[in-house]
Amino acid sequence: VNKSSGLSNENPQQKLKRKTDRSLLRMLFVQ
């Protein structure tokens, strides 16, 4: 699961991008 989802080998930039995507999705739904 971790390997297929790419979570185990995420670098800091990828983690920031994933976190940004989640924040944008939450902002979008409320808006």
PDB file of all heavy atoms in Angstrom:
ATOM      1  N   VAL A   1       0.839  -1.203   0.000  1.00  0.00           N
ATOM      2  CA  VAL A   1       0.000   0.000   0.000  1.00  0.00           C
ATOM      3  C   VAL A   1       0.864   1.239   0.000  1.00  0.00           C
ATOM      4  O   VAL A   1       0.685   2.163  -0.788  1.00  0.00           O
ATOM      5  CB  VAL A   1      -0.933   0.010   1.236  1.00  0.00           C
ATOM      6  CG1 VAL A   1      -1.678   1.326   1.335  1.00  0.00           C
ATOM      7  CG2 VAL A   1      -1.902  -1.147   1.160  1.00  0.00           C
ATOM      8  N   ASN A   2       1.830   1.254   0.928  1.00  0.00           N
ATOM      9  CA  ASN A   2       2.704   2.416   1.031  1.00  0.00           C
ATOM     10  C   ASN A   2       3.497   2.629  -0.238  1.00  0.00           C
ATOM     11  O   ASN A   2       3.686   3.745  -0.699  1.00  0.00           O
ATOM     12  CB  ASN A   2       3.663   2.253   2.210  1.00  0.00           C
ATOM     13  CG  ASN A   2       2.936   2.337   3.537  1.00  0.00           C
ATOM     14  OD1 ASN A   2       1.889   2.960   3.619  1.00  0.00           O
ATOM     15  ND2 ASN A   2       3.462   1.693   4.561  1.00  0.00           N
ATOM     16  N   LYS A   3       3.931   1.522  -0.826  1.00  0.00           N
ATOM     17  CA  LYS A   3       4.744   1.648  -2.031  1.00  0.00           C
ATOM     18  C   LYS A   3       3.906   2.133  -3.202  1.00  0.00           C
ATOM     19  O   LYS A   3       4.321   2.986  -3.989  1.00  0.00           O
ATOM     20  CB  LYS A   3       5.385   0.294  -2.352  1.00  0.00           C
ATOM     21  CG  LYS A   3       6.429   0.371  -3.447  1.00  0.00           C
ATOM     22  CD  LYS A   3       7.126  -0.975  -3.610  1.00  0.00           C
ATOM     23  CE  LYS A   3       8.163  -0.908  -4.725  1.00  0.00           C
ATOM     24  NZ  LYS A   3       8.830  -2.195  -4.928  1.00  0.00           N
ATOM     25  N   SER A   4       2.681   1.555  -3.331  1.00  0.00           N
ATOM     26  CA  SER A   4       1.833   1.935  -4.461  1.00  0.00           C
ATOM     27  C   SER A   4       1.326   3.361  -4.324  1.00  0.00           C
ATOM     28  O   SER A   4       1.124   4.061  -5.304  1.00  0.00           O
ATOM     29  CB  SER A   4       0.644   0.982  -4.573  1.00  0.00           C
ATOM     30  OG  SER A   4      -0.147   1.093  -3.416  1.00  0.00           O
ATOM     31  N   SER A   5       1.081   3.787  -3.091  1.00  0.00           N
ATOM     32  CA  SER A   5       0.588   5.156  -2.900  1.00  0.00           C
ATOM     33  C   SER A   5       1.707   6.172  -2.900  1.00  0.00           C
ATOM     34  O   SER A   5       1.480   7.366  -2.959  1.00  0.00           O
ATOM     35  CB  SER A   5      -0.169   5.258  -1.574  1.00  0.00           C
ATOM     36  OG  SER A   5       0.696   4.953  -0.502  1.00  0.00           O
ATOM     37  N   GLY A   6       2.948   5.703  -2.839  1.00  0.00           N
ATOM     38  CA  GLY A   6       4.085   6.611  -2.911  1.00  0.00           C
ATOM     39  C   GLY A   6       4.355   7.330  -1.631  1.00  0.00           C
ATOM     40  O   GLY A   6       5.103   8.286  -1.600  1.00  0.00           O
ATOM     41  N   LEU A   7       3.755   6.872  -0.494  1.00  0.00           N
ATOM     42  CA  LEU A   7       3.909   7.596   0.755  1.00  0.00           C
ATOM     43  C   LEU A   7       5.231   7.304   1.434  1.00  0.00           C
ATOM     44  O   LEU A   7       5.749   8.128   2.169  1.00  0.00           O
ATOM     45  CB  LEU A   7       2.758   7.242   1.710  1.00  0.00           C
ATOM     46  CG  LEU A   7       1.353   7.582   1.214  1.00  0.00           C
ATOM     47  CD1 LEU A   7       0.330   7.203   2.282  1.00  0.00           C
ATOM     48  CD2 LEU A   7       1.230   9.030   0.844  1.00  0.00           C
ATOM     49  N   SER A   8       5.774   6.060   1.190  1.00  0.00           N
ATOM     50  CA  SER A   8       6.981   5.669   1.913  1.00  0.00           C
ATOM     51  C   SER A   8       8.214   6.402   1.428  1.00  0.00           C
ATOM     52  O   SER A   8       9.159   6.597   2.180  1.00  0.00           O
ATOM     53  CB  SER A   8       7.179   4.157   1.782  1.00  0.00           C
ATOM     54  OG  SER A   8       7.285   3.808   0.408  1.00  0.00           O
ATOM     55  N   ASN A   9       8.195   6.767   0.142  1.00  0.00           N
ATOM     56  CA  ASN A   9       9.385   7.404  -0.429  1.00  0.00           C
ATOM     57  C   ASN A   9       9.178   8.879  -0.730  1.00  0.00           C
ATOM     58  O   ASN A   9       9.857   9.444  -1.581  1.00  0.00           O
ATOM     59  CB  ASN A   9       9.793   6.657  -1.726  1.00  0.00           C
ATOM     60  CG  ASN A   9      10.150   5.202  -1.459  1.00  0.00           C
ATOM     61  OD1 ASN A   9      10.821   4.898  -0.470  1.00  0.00           O
ATOM     62  ND2 ASN A   9       9.691   4.306  -2.328  1.00  0.00           N
ATOM     63  N   GLU A  10       8.218   9.498  -0.068  1.00  0.00           N
ATOM     64  CA  GLU A  10       7.941  10.906  -0.330  1.00  0.00           C
ATOM     65  C   GLU A  10       9.059  11.793   0.210  1.00  0.00           C
ATOM     66  O   GLU A  10       9.515  11.609   1.353  1.00  0.00           O
ATOM     67  CB  GLU A  10       6.629  11.324   0.325  1.00  0.00           C
ATOM     68  CG  GLU A  10       5.403  10.937  -0.474  1.00  0.00           C
ATOM     69  CD  GLU A  10       4.155  11.534   0.140  1.00  0.00           C
ATOM     70  OE1 GLU A  10       4.133  11.713   1.362  1.00  0.00           O
ATOM     71  OE2 GLU A  10       3.221  11.831  -0.612  1.00  0.00           O
ATOM     72  N   ASN A  11       9.471  12.731  -0.621  1.00  0.00           N
ATOM     73  CA  ASN A  11      10.415  13.733  -0.133  1.00  0.00           C
ATOM     74  C   ASN A  11       9.630  14.906   0.437  1.00  0.00           C
ATOM     75  O   ASN A  11       8.410  14.981   0.283  1.00  0.00           O
ATOM     76  CB  ASN A  11      11.343  14.183  -1.273  1.00  0.00           C
ATOM     77  CG  ASN A  11      10.587  14.760  -2.457  1.00  0.00           C
ATOM     78  OD1 ASN A  11       9.635  15.515  -2.270  1.00  0.00           O
ATOM     79  ND2 ASN A  11      10.984  14.400  -3.674  1.00  0.00           N
ATOM     80  N   PRO A  12      10.283  15.839   1.134  1.00  0.00           N
ATOM     81  CA  PRO A  12       9.565  16.966   1.757  1.00  0.00           C
ATOM     82  C   PRO A  12       8.719  17.770   0.776  1.00  0.00           C
ATOM     83  O   PRO A  12       7.638  18.250   1.134  1.00  0.00           O
ATOM     84  CB  PRO A  12      10.702  17.809   2.338  1.00  0.00           C
ATOM     85  CG  PRO A  12      11.795  16.828   2.598  1.00  0.00           C
ATOM     86  CD  PRO A  12      11.709  15.824   1.496  1.00  0.00           C
ATOM     87  N   GLN A  13       9.194  17.925  -0.453  1.00  0.00           N
ATOM     88  CA  GLN A  13       8.440  18.699  -1.449  1.00  0.00           C
ATOM     89  C   GLN A  13       7.137  17.988  -1.814  1.00  0.00           C
ATOM     90  O   GLN A  13       6.089  18.624  -1.963  1.00  0.00           O
ATOM     91  CB  GLN A  13       9.299  18.915  -2.696  1.00  0.00           C
ATOM     92  CG  GLN A  13       8.653  19.860  -3.709  1.00  0.00           C
ATOM     93  CD  GLN A  13       9.581  20.163  -4.876  1.00  0.00           C
ATOM     94  OE1 GLN A  13      10.708  19.674  -4.930  1.00  0.00           O
ATOM     95  NE2 GLN A  13       9.101  20.958  -5.809  1.00  0.00           N
ATOM     96  N   GLN A  14       7.186  16.644  -1.945  1.00  0.00           N
ATOM     97  CA  GLN A  14       5.979  15.883  -2.255  1.00  0.00           C
ATOM     98  C   GLN A  14       4.982  15.922  -1.102  1.00  0.00           C
ATOM     99  O   GLN A  14       3.771  16.006  -1.306  1.00  0.00           O
ATOM    100  CB  GLN A  14       6.354  14.434  -2.578  1.00  0.00           C
ATOM    101  CG  GLN A  14       7.075  14.267  -3.912  1.00  0.00           C
ATOM    102  CD  GLN A  14       7.576  12.853  -4.113  1.00  0.00           C
ATOM    103  OE1 GLN A  14       8.024  12.195  -3.173  1.00  0.00           O
ATOM    104  NE2 GLN A  14       7.487  12.367  -5.348  1.00  0.00           N
ATOM    105  N   LYS A  15       5.503  15.849   0.136  1.00  0.00           N
ATOM    106  CA  LYS A  15       4.633  15.932   1.315  1.00  0.00           C
ATOM    107  C   LYS A  15       3.930  17.285   1.383  1.00  0.00           C
ATOM    108  O   LYS A  15       2.740  17.369   1.692  1.00  0.00           O
ATOM    109  CB  LYS A  15       5.441  15.699   2.580  1.00  0.00           C
ATOM    110  CG  LYS A  15       5.874  14.254   2.784  1.00  0.00           C
ATOM    111  CD  LYS A  15       6.638  14.093   4.087  1.00  0.00           C
ATOM    112  CE  LYS A  15       7.051  12.642   4.298  1.00  0.00           C
ATOM    113  NZ  LYS A  15       7.816  12.445   5.554  1.00  0.00           N
ATOM    114  N   LEU A  16       4.677  18.354   1.067  1.00  0.00           N
ATOM    115  CA  LEU A  16       4.091  19.698   1.069  1.00  0.00           C
ATOM    116  C   LEU A  16       3.012  19.799   0.005  1.00  0.00           C
ATOM    117  O   LEU A  16       1.938  20.379   0.246  1.00  0.00           O
ATOM    118  CB  LEU A  16       5.181  20.745   0.825  1.00  0.00           C
ATOM    119  CG  LEU A  16       4.693  22.201   0.712  1.00  0.00           C
ATOM    120  CD1 LEU A  16       4.037  22.642   2.021  1.00  0.00           C
ATOM    121  CD2 LEU A  16       5.857  23.129   0.359  1.00  0.00           C
ATOM    122  N   LYS A  17       3.262  19.217  -1.171  1.00  0.00           N
ATOM    123  CA  LYS A  17       2.285  19.263  -2.249  1.00  0.00           C
ATOM    124  C   LYS A  17       1.011  18.507  -1.860  1.00  0.00           C
ATOM    125  O   LYS A  17      -0.103  18.980  -2.093  1.00  0.00           O
ATOM    126  CB  LYS A  17       2.868  18.650  -3.526  1.00  0.00           C
ATOM    127  CG  LYS A  17       1.941  18.764  -4.741  1.00  0.00           C
ATOM    128  CD  LYS A  17       2.577  18.145  -5.964  1.00  0.00           C
ATOM    129  CE  LYS A  17       1.672  18.351  -7.181  1.00  0.00           C
ATOM    130  NZ  LYS A  17       0.321  17.776  -6.994  1.00  0.00           N
ATOM    131  N   ARG A  18       1.171  17.344  -1.237  1.00  0.00           N
ATOM    132  CA  ARG A  18       0.016  16.554  -0.806  1.00  0.00           C
ATOM    133  C   ARG A  18      -0.775  17.295   0.267  1.00  0.00           C
ATOM    134  O   ARG A  18      -2.004  17.314   0.261  1.00  0.00           O
ATOM    135  CB  ARG A  18       0.493  15.192  -0.299  1.00  0.00           C
ATOM    136  CG  ARG A  18      -0.622  14.211   0.005  1.00  0.00           C
ATOM    137  CD  ARG A  18      -0.082  12.788   0.072  1.00  0.00           C
ATOM    138  NE  ARG A  18       1.036  12.707   0.993  1.00  0.00           N
ATOM    139  CZ  ARG A  18       0.916  12.514   2.314  1.00  0.00           C
ATOM    140  NH1 ARG A  18      -0.295  12.422   2.854  1.00  0.00           N
ATOM    141  NH2 ARG A  18       1.978  12.422   3.096  1.00  0.00           N
ATOM    142  N   LYS A  19      -0.076  17.929   1.193  1.00  0.00           N
ATOM    143  CA  LYS A  19      -0.741  18.687   2.255  1.00  0.00           C
ATOM    144  C   LYS A  19      -1.461  19.908   1.681  1.00  0.00           C
ATOM    145  O   LYS A  19      -2.567  20.259   2.100  1.00  0.00           O
ATOM    146  CB  LYS A  19       0.290  19.122   3.290  1.00  0.00           C
ATOM    147  CG  LYS A  19      -0.302  19.519   4.635  1.00  0.00           C
ATOM    148  CD  LYS A  19       0.781  19.732   5.678  1.00  0.00           C
ATOM    149  CE  LYS A  19       0.161  20.079   7.023  1.00  0.00           C
ATOM    150  NZ  LYS A  19       1.194  20.298   8.068  1.00  0.00           N
ATOM    151  N   THR A  20      -0.838  20.549   0.698  1.00  0.00           N
ATOM    152  CA  THR A  20      -1.462  21.694   0.032  1.00  0.00           C
ATOM    153  C   THR A  20      -2.729  21.265  -0.690  1.00  0.00           C
ATOM    154  O   THR A  20      -3.754  21.961  -0.644  1.00  0.00           O
ATOM    155  CB  THR A  20      -0.480  22.341  -0.961  1.00  0.00           C
ATOM    156  OG1 THR A  20       0.692  22.755  -0.264  1.00  0.00           O
ATOM    157  CG2 THR A  20      -1.110  23.531  -1.654  1.00  0.00           C
ATOM    158  N   ASP A  21      -2.684  20.114  -1.365  1.00  0.00           N
ATOM    159  CA  ASP A  21      -3.857  19.595  -2.072  1.00  0.00           C
ATOM    160  C   ASP A  21      -5.014  19.349  -1.113  1.00  0.00           C
ATOM    161  O   ASP A  21      -6.167  19.684  -1.413  1.00  0.00           O
ATOM    162  CB  ASP A  21      -3.509  18.289  -2.802  1.00  0.00           C
ATOM    163  CG  ASP A  21      -2.692  18.528  -4.064  1.00  0.00           C
ATOM    164  OD1 ASP A  21      -2.827  19.617  -4.653  1.00  0.00           O
ATOM    165  OD2 ASP A  21      -1.919  17.643  -4.457  1.00  0.00           O
ATOM    166  N   ARG A  22      -4.723  18.778   0.052  1.00  0.00           N
ATOM    167  CA  ARG A  22      -5.781  18.527   1.037  1.00  0.00           C
ATOM    168  C   ARG A  22      -6.384  19.834   1.548  1.00  0.00           C
ATOM    169  O   ARG A  22      -7.595  19.957   1.718  1.00  0.00           O
ATOM    170  CB  ARG A  22      -5.230  17.710   2.215  1.00  0.00           C
ATOM    171  CG  ARG A  22      -4.986  16.237   1.904  1.00  0.00           C
ATOM    172  CD  ARG A  22      -4.969  15.416   3.188  1.00  0.00           C
ATOM    173  NE  ARG A  22      -3.971  15.893   4.118  1.00  0.00           N
ATOM    174  CZ  ARG A  22      -2.723  15.446   4.207  1.00  0.00           C
ATOM    175  NH1 ARG A  22      -2.310  14.492   3.371  1.00  0.00           N
ATOM    176  NH2 ARG A  22      -1.881  15.925   5.094  1.00  0.00           N
ATOM    177  N   SER A  23      -5.520  20.820   1.802  1.00  0.00           N
ATOM    178  CA  SER A  23      -6.009  22.120   2.281  1.00  0.00           C
ATOM    179  C   SER A  23      -6.882  22.802   1.242  1.00  0.00           C
ATOM    180  O   SER A  23      -7.943  23.354   1.553  1.00  0.00           O
ATOM    181  CB  SER A  23      -4.829  23.025   2.652  1.00  0.00           C
ATOM    182  OG  SER A  23      -4.109  22.514   3.742  1.00  0.00           O
ATOM    183  N   LEU A  24      -6.443  22.753  -0.020  1.00  0.00           N
ATOM    184  CA  LEU A  24      -7.209  23.375  -1.101  1.00  0.00           C
ATOM    185  C   LEU A  24      -8.563  22.697  -1.276  1.00  0.00           C
ATOM    186  O   LEU A  24      -9.572  23.366  -1.544  1.00  0.00           O
ATOM    187  CB  LEU A  24      -6.406  23.318  -2.408  1.00  0.00           C
ATOM    188  CG  LEU A  24      -5.198  24.258  -2.490  1.00  0.00           C
ATOM    189  CD1 LEU A  24      -4.330  23.916  -3.693  1.00  0.00           C
ATOM    190  CD2 LEU A  24      -5.650  25.711  -2.562  1.00  0.00           C
ATOM    191  N   LEU A  25      -8.599  21.371  -1.120  1.00  0.00           N
ATOM    192  CA  LEU A  25      -9.859  20.643  -1.244  1.00  0.00           C
ATOM    193  C   LEU A  25     -10.829  21.044  -0.144  1.00  0.00           C
ATOM    194  O   LEU A  25     -12.019  21.281  -0.400  1.00  0.00           O
ATOM    195  CB  LEU A  25      -9.584  19.132  -1.178  1.00  0.00           C
ATOM    196  CG  LEU A  25     -10.803  18.218  -1.367  1.00  0.00           C
ATOM    197  CD1 LEU A  25     -11.436  18.436  -2.737  1.00  0.00           C
ATOM    198  CD2 LEU A  25     -10.411  16.759  -1.192  1.00  0.00           C
ATOM    199  N   ARG A  26     -10.335  21.177   1.078  1.00  0.00           N
ATOM    200  CA  ARG A  26     -11.173  21.592   2.205  1.00  0.00           C
ATOM    201  C   ARG A  26     -11.691  23.021   1.984  1.00  0.00           C
ATOM    202  O   ARG A  26     -12.877  23.313   2.199  1.00  0.00           O
ATOM    203  CB  ARG A  26     -10.364  21.496   3.497  1.00  0.00           C
ATOM    204  CG  ARG A  26     -11.166  21.787   4.758  1.00  0.00           C
ATOM    205  CD  ARG A  26     -10.423  21.339   6.007  1.00  0.00           C
ATOM    206  NE  ARG A  26      -9.091  21.929   6.075  1.00  0.00           N
ATOM    207  CZ  ARG A  26      -7.955  21.237   5.959  1.00  0.00           C
ATOM    208  NH1 ARG A  26      -7.970  19.943   5.741  1.00  0.00           N
ATOM    209  NH2 ARG A  26      -6.780  21.854   6.058  1.00  0.00           N
ATOM    210  N   MET A  27     -10.819  23.916   1.542  1.00  0.00           N
ATOM    211  CA  MET A  27     -11.210  25.293   1.265  1.00  0.00           C
ATOM    212  C   MET A  27     -12.278  25.340   0.177  1.00  0.00           C
ATOM    213  O   MET A  27     -13.243  26.111   0.252  1.00  0.00           O
ATOM    214  CB  MET A  27      -9.979  26.108   0.838  1.00  0.00           C
ATOM    215  CG  MET A  27      -8.980  26.356   1.971  1.00  0.00           C
ATOM    216  SD  MET A  27      -7.264  26.589   1.399  1.00  0.00           S
ATOM    217  CE  MET A  27      -7.427  27.984   0.305  1.00  0.00           C
ATOM    218  N   LEU A  28     -12.105  24.490  -0.828  1.00  0.00           N
ATOM    219  CA  LEU A  28     -13.027  24.468  -1.959  1.00  0.00           C
ATOM    220  C   LEU A  28     -14.414  24.009  -1.540  1.00  0.00           C
ATOM    221  O   LEU A  28     -15.423  24.630  -1.903  1.00  0.00           O
ATOM    222  CB  LEU A  28     -12.471  23.548  -3.057  1.00  0.00           C
ATOM    223  CG  LEU A  28     -13.328  23.380  -4.314  1.00  0.00           C
ATOM    224  CD1 LEU A  28     -13.482  24.703  -5.048  1.00  0.00           C
ATOM    225  CD2 LEU A  28     -12.728  22.334  -5.232  1.00  0.00           C
ATOM    226  N   PHE A  29     -14.498  22.940  -0.759  1.00  0.00           N
ATOM    227  CA  PHE A  29     -15.794  22.409  -0.353  1.00  0.00           C
ATOM    228  C   PHE A  29     -16.586  23.430   0.458  1.00  0.00           C
ATOM    229  O   PHE A  29     -17.785  23.625   0.230  1.00  0.00           O
ATOM    230  CB  PHE A  29     -15.608  21.125   0.464  1.00  0.00           C
ATOM    231  CG  PHE A  29     -15.381  19.900  -0.386  1.00  0.00           C
ATOM    232  CD1 PHE A  29     -14.786  18.778   0.147  1.00  0.00           C
ATOM    233  CD2 PHE A  29     -15.760  19.875  -1.711  1.00  0.00           C
ATOM    234  CE1 PHE A  29     -14.567  17.641  -0.632  1.00  0.00           C
ATOM    235  CE2 PHE A  29     -15.548  18.759  -2.509  1.00  0.00           C
ATOM    236  CZ  PHE A  29     -14.959  17.633  -1.965  1.00  0.00           C
ATOM    237  N   VAL A  30     -15.920  24.091   1.401  1.00  0.00           N
ATOM    238  CA  VAL A  30     -16.608  25.092   2.220  1.00  0.00           C
ATOM    239  C   VAL A  30     -17.062  26.264   1.344  1.00  0.00           C
ATOM    240  O   VAL A  30     -18.177  26.781   1.492  1.00  0.00           O
ATOM    241  CB  VAL A  30     -15.694  25.581   3.361  1.00  0.00           C
ATOM    242  CG1 VAL A  30     -16.377  26.702   4.149  1.00  0.00           C
ATOM    243  CG2 VAL A  30     -15.332  24.437   4.301  1.00  0.00           C
ATOM    244  N   GLN A  31     -16.213  26.670   0.405  1.00  0.00           N
ATOM    245  CA  GLN A  31     -16.555  27.794  -0.459  1.00  0.00           C
ATOM    246  C   GLN A  31     -17.755  27.462  -1.341  1.00  0.00           C
ATOM    247  O   GLN A  31     -18.631  28.312  -1.552  1.00  0.00           O
ATOM    248  CB  GLN A  31     -15.360  28.184  -1.329  1.00  0.00           C
ATOM    249  CG  GLN A  31     -15.595  29.462  -2.123  1.00  0.00           C
ATOM    250  CD  GLN A  31     -14.336  29.967  -2.795  1.00  0.00           C
ATOM    251  OE1 GLN A  31     -13.280  29.350  -2.713  1.00  0.00           O
ATOM    252  NE2 GLN A  31     -14.437  31.090  -3.461  1.00  0.00           N
TER     253      GLN A  31
END
